[in-house]
């Protein structure tokens, strides 16, 4: 997959995320997608990702802005840097109480692309910074 097509795939992935269009979002993923959760575990498959998105959409309202996508020459790998603008809606397990706090968080993600789909995504952000923002 040429690098330009990979960049478009990653941009479309985040467009679907911002639209909270779960079906379109999941359509960009390989069936056996590997998801490395920031400072968490590793999950495999679309069903696991769908459950993750359900929890995210219940607890957080987020938009990705200032997206910058980088790819390698053959398009098999990509990285994205962006800012997450969010509202903490419902208390997530093991985290501070949610009271509608707003946050702005620099973040990034690394991707492996296979057959025109996202085969692996690893997200990265500073959890301590997020906790500091929502805990006041």
C-alpha atoms as a PDB file:
ATOM      1  CA  UNK A   1       0.000   0.000   0.000  1.00  0.00           C
ATOM      2  CA  UNK A   2       1.668   3.273  -1.044  1.00  0.00           C
ATOM      3  CA  UNK A   3       2.359   5.747   1.729  1.00  0.00           C
ATOM      4  CA  UNK A   4      -0.194   8.293   0.426  1.00  0.00           C
ATOM      5  CA  UNK A   5      -2.989   5.716   0.686  1.00  0.00           C
ATOM      6  CA  UNK A   6      -1.841   4.841   4.214  1.00  0.00           C
ATOM      7  CA  UNK A   7      -1.954   8.496   5.243  1.00  0.00           C
ATOM      8  CA  UNK A   8      -5.499   8.742   3.843  1.00  0.00           C
ATOM      9  CA  UNK A   9      -6.493   5.584   5.754  1.00  0.00           C
ATOM     10  CA  UNK A  10      -5.243   7.042   9.051  1.00  0.00           C
ATOM     11  CA  UNK A  11      -6.997  10.358   8.369  1.00  0.00           C
ATOM     12  CA  UNK A  12     -10.246   8.508   7.585  1.00  0.00           C
ATOM     13  CA  UNK A  13      -9.809   6.430  10.772  1.00  0.00           C
ATOM     14  CA  UNK A  14      -9.712   9.608  12.876  1.00  0.00           C
ATOM     15  CA  UNK A  15     -12.546  11.212  10.893  1.00  0.00           C
ATOM     16  CA  UNK A  16     -14.726   8.213  11.783  1.00  0.00           C
ATOM     17  CA  UNK A  17     -13.579   8.447  15.418  1.00  0.00           C
ATOM     18  CA  UNK A  18     -14.527  12.137  15.562  1.00  0.00           C
ATOM     19  CA  UNK A  19     -17.929  11.371  14.025  1.00  0.00           C
ATOM     20  CA  UNK A  20     -18.433   8.548  16.577  1.00  0.00           C
ATOM     21  CA  UNK A  21     -19.284   6.358  13.580  1.00  0.00           C
ATOM     22  CA  UNK A  22     -18.362   3.003  15.134  1.00  0.00           C
ATOM     23  CA  UNK A  23     -19.253   0.886  12.099  1.00  0.00           C
ATOM     24  CA  UNK A  24     -17.198   3.019   9.700  1.00  0.00           C
ATOM     25  CA  UNK A  25     -14.356   3.168  12.239  1.00  0.00           C
ATOM     26  CA  UNK A  26     -14.306  -0.623  12.666  1.00  0.00           C
ATOM     27  CA  UNK A  27     -14.370  -0.991   8.871  1.00  0.00           C
ATOM     28  CA  UNK A  28     -10.839   0.402   8.762  1.00  0.00           C
ATOM     29  CA  UNK A  29      -9.570  -2.375  11.046  1.00  0.00           C
ATOM     30  CA  UNK A  30      -8.335  -5.859  10.180  1.00  0.00           C
ATOM     31  CA  UNK A  31     -10.487  -8.594  11.751  1.00  0.00           C
ATOM     32  CA  UNK A  32      -7.529  -9.626  13.955  1.00  0.00           C
ATOM     33  CA  UNK A  33      -6.486  -6.064  14.830  1.00  0.00           C
ATOM     34  CA  UNK A  34      -4.090  -5.781  17.753  1.00  0.00           C
ATOM     35  CA  UNK A  35      -4.750  -2.845  20.080  1.00  0.00           C
ATOM     36  CA  UNK A  36      -2.103  -1.804  22.591  1.00  0.00           C
ATOM     37  CA  UNK A  37      -3.923   0.370  25.104  1.00  0.00           C
ATOM     38  CA  UNK A  38      -1.961   3.261  26.609  1.00  0.00           C
ATOM     39  CA  UNK A  39      -0.367   2.060  29.859  1.00  0.00           C
ATOM     40  CA  UNK A  40      -2.646  -0.960  29.706  1.00  0.00           C
ATOM     41  CA  UNK A  41      -2.964  -4.355  28.117  1.00  0.00           C
ATOM     42  CA  UNK A  42      -3.141  -5.718  24.619  1.00  0.00           C
ATOM     43  CA  UNK A  43      -6.470  -6.680  23.043  1.00  0.00           C
ATOM     44  CA  UNK A  44      -7.006  -8.567  19.797  1.00  0.00           C
ATOM     45  CA  UNK A  45      -9.900  -8.527  17.345  1.00  0.00           C
ATOM     46  CA  UNK A  46     -12.717  -6.234  16.263  1.00  0.00           C
ATOM     47  CA  UNK A  47     -15.082  -7.443  18.996  1.00  0.00           C
ATOM     48  CA  UNK A  48     -12.597  -6.383  21.680  1.00  0.00           C
ATOM     49  CA  UNK A  49     -12.104  -3.044  19.937  1.00  0.00           C
ATOM     50  CA  UNK A  50     -15.875  -2.531  19.702  1.00  0.00           C
ATOM     51  CA  UNK A  51     -16.189  -3.126  23.472  1.00  0.00           C
ATOM     52  CA  UNK A  52     -13.310  -0.708  24.104  1.00  0.00           C
ATOM     53  CA  UNK A  53     -15.031   1.958  21.978  1.00  0.00           C
ATOM     54  CA  UNK A  54     -18.286   1.393  23.859  1.00  0.00           C
ATOM     55  CA  UNK A  55     -16.565   2.131  27.177  1.00  0.00           C
ATOM     56  CA  UNK A  56     -14.725   5.102  25.701  1.00  0.00           C
ATOM     57  CA  UNK A  57     -17.903   6.615  24.257  1.00  0.00           C
ATOM     58  CA  UNK A  58     -19.725   6.096  27.558  1.00  0.00           C
ATOM     59  CA  UNK A  59     -16.992   7.676  29.706  1.00  0.00           C
ATOM     60  CA  UNK A  60     -15.464  10.267  27.374  1.00  0.00           C
ATOM     61  CA  UNK A  61     -16.473  12.670  24.656  1.00  0.00           C
ATOM     62  CA  UNK A  62     -13.342  13.204  22.581  1.00  0.00           C
ATOM     63  CA  UNK A  63     -12.297  14.911  19.371  1.00  0.00           C
ATOM     64  CA  UNK A  64      -8.958  14.543  17.646  1.00  0.00           C
ATOM     65  CA  UNK A  65      -7.530  17.834  16.350  1.00  0.00           C
ATOM     66  CA  UNK A  66      -4.208  19.018  14.917  1.00  0.00           C
ATOM     67  CA  UNK A  67      -3.661  15.602  13.316  1.00  0.00           C
ATOM     68  CA  UNK A  68      -0.282  15.015  11.674  1.00  0.00           C
ATOM     69  CA  UNK A  69       0.311  11.646   9.960  1.00  0.00           C
ATOM     70  CA  UNK A  70       3.678  10.176   9.028  1.00  0.00           C
ATOM     71  CA  UNK A  71       4.229   6.983   7.022  1.00  0.00           C
ATOM     72  CA  UNK A  72       7.129   4.861   5.876  1.00  0.00           C
ATOM     73  CA  UNK A  73       7.861   4.581   2.149  1.00  0.00           C
ATOM     74  CA  UNK A  74       5.917   1.373   1.488  1.00  0.00           C
ATOM     75  CA  UNK A  75       2.927   2.373   3.633  1.00  0.00           C
ATOM     76  CA  UNK A  76       3.165  -0.604   5.994  1.00  0.00           C
ATOM     77  CA  UNK A  77       3.720   1.610   9.042  1.00  0.00           C
ATOM     78  CA  UNK A  78       2.363   4.959  10.159  1.00  0.00           C
ATOM     79  CA  UNK A  79       2.473   7.270  13.120  1.00  0.00           C
ATOM     80  CA  UNK A  80       0.113  10.055  14.081  1.00  0.00           C
ATOM     81  CA  UNK A  81       0.548  12.976  16.422  1.00  0.00           C
ATOM     82  CA  UNK A  82      -2.506  14.893  17.567  1.00  0.00           C
ATOM     83  CA  UNK A  83      -4.310  16.683  20.362  1.00  0.00           C
ATOM     84  CA  UNK A  84      -7.256  15.131  22.180  1.00  0.00           C
ATOM     85  CA  UNK A  85      -9.942  17.589  23.264  1.00  0.00           C
ATOM     86  CA  UNK A  86     -12.189  15.831  25.714  1.00  0.00           C
ATOM     87  CA  UNK A  87     -14.886  15.866  28.341  1.00  0.00           C
ATOM     88  CA  UNK A  88     -14.856  13.261  31.118  1.00  0.00           C
ATOM     89  CA  UNK A  89     -18.493  12.121  31.225  1.00  0.00           C
ATOM     90  CA  UNK A  90     -18.682   9.041  33.449  1.00  0.00           C
ATOM     91  CA  UNK A  91     -16.182   7.661  35.962  1.00  0.00           C
ATOM     92  CA  UNK A  92     -13.909   5.057  34.402  1.00  0.00           C
ATOM     93  CA  UNK A  93     -12.634   2.141  36.515  1.00  0.00           C
ATOM     94  CA  UNK A  94      -9.712   3.074  38.750  1.00  0.00           C
ATOM     95  CA  UNK A  95      -9.673   6.728  37.664  1.00  0.00           C
ATOM     96  CA  UNK A  96     -10.808   9.970  39.338  1.00  0.00           C
ATOM     97  CA  UNK A  97     -14.511  10.767  39.599  1.00  0.00           C
ATOM     98  CA  UNK A  98     -16.063  12.204  36.447  1.00  0.00           C
ATOM     99  CA  UNK A  99     -17.795  15.557  36.792  1.00  0.00           C
ATOM    100  CA  UNK A 100     -17.780  16.773  33.205  1.00  0.00           C
ATOM    101  CA  UNK A 101     -14.161  17.938  33.395  1.00  0.00           C
ATOM    102  CA  UNK A 102     -12.620  19.164  30.156  1.00  0.00           C
ATOM    103  CA  UNK A 103      -9.112  18.219  29.115  1.00  0.00           C
ATOM    104  CA  UNK A 104      -6.609  18.882  26.346  1.00  0.00           C
ATOM    105  CA  UNK A 105      -4.010  16.190  25.884  1.00  0.00           C
ATOM    106  CA  UNK A 106      -1.149  15.749  23.418  1.00  0.00           C
ATOM    107  CA  UNK A 107      -1.112  12.162  22.152  1.00  0.00           C
ATOM    108  CA  UNK A 108       0.182   9.853  19.469  1.00  0.00           C
ATOM    109  CA  UNK A 109      -0.377   6.481  17.899  1.00  0.00           C
ATOM    110  CA  UNK A 110       1.627   3.946  15.942  1.00  0.00           C
ATOM    111  CA  UNK A 111       0.060   1.785  13.237  1.00  0.00           C
ATOM    112  CA  UNK A 112       0.840  -1.351  11.288  1.00  0.00           C
ATOM    113  CA  UNK A 113      -1.052  -1.599   7.997  1.00  0.00           C
ATOM    114  CA  UNK A 114      -1.877  -4.880   6.250  1.00  0.00           C
ATOM    115  CA  UNK A 115      -4.013  -5.295   3.105  1.00  0.00           C
ATOM    116  CA  UNK A 116      -5.288  -1.725   3.350  1.00  0.00           C
ATOM    117  CA  UNK A 117      -6.490  -2.094   6.963  1.00  0.00           C
ATOM    118  CA  UNK A 118      -5.150  -1.152  10.386  1.00  0.00           C
ATOM    119  CA  UNK A 119      -3.642  -4.380  11.735  1.00  0.00           C
ATOM    120  CA  UNK A 120      -2.120  -2.891  14.902  1.00  0.00           C
ATOM    121  CA  UNK A 121      -2.528   0.352  16.801  1.00  0.00           C
ATOM    122  CA  UNK A 122      -0.561   1.441  19.839  1.00  0.00           C
ATOM    123  CA  UNK A 123      -1.773   4.603  21.560  1.00  0.00           C
ATOM    124  CA  UNK A 124       0.400   6.836  23.712  1.00  0.00           C
ATOM    125  CA  UNK A 125      -0.390   9.786  25.967  1.00  0.00           C
ATOM    126  CA  UNK A 126       0.685  11.029  29.372  1.00  0.00           C
ATOM    127  CA  UNK A 127      -1.804   9.506  31.818  1.00  0.00           C
ATOM    128  CA  UNK A 128      -0.385  11.562  34.715  1.00  0.00           C
ATOM    129  CA  UNK A 129      -1.087  14.758  32.773  1.00  0.00           C
ATOM    130  CA  UNK A 130      -4.664  13.615  32.102  1.00  0.00           C
ATOM    131  CA  UNK A 131      -5.245  12.721  35.785  1.00  0.00           C
ATOM    132  CA  UNK A 132      -3.836  16.105  36.835  1.00  0.00           C
ATOM    133  CA  UNK A 133      -6.233  17.875  34.455  1.00  0.00           C
ATOM    134  CA  UNK A 134      -9.359  16.020  35.587  1.00  0.00           C
ATOM    135  CA  UNK A 135      -8.524  15.794  39.295  1.00  0.00           C
ATOM    136  CA  UNK A 136      -8.117  19.552  39.538  1.00  0.00           C
END
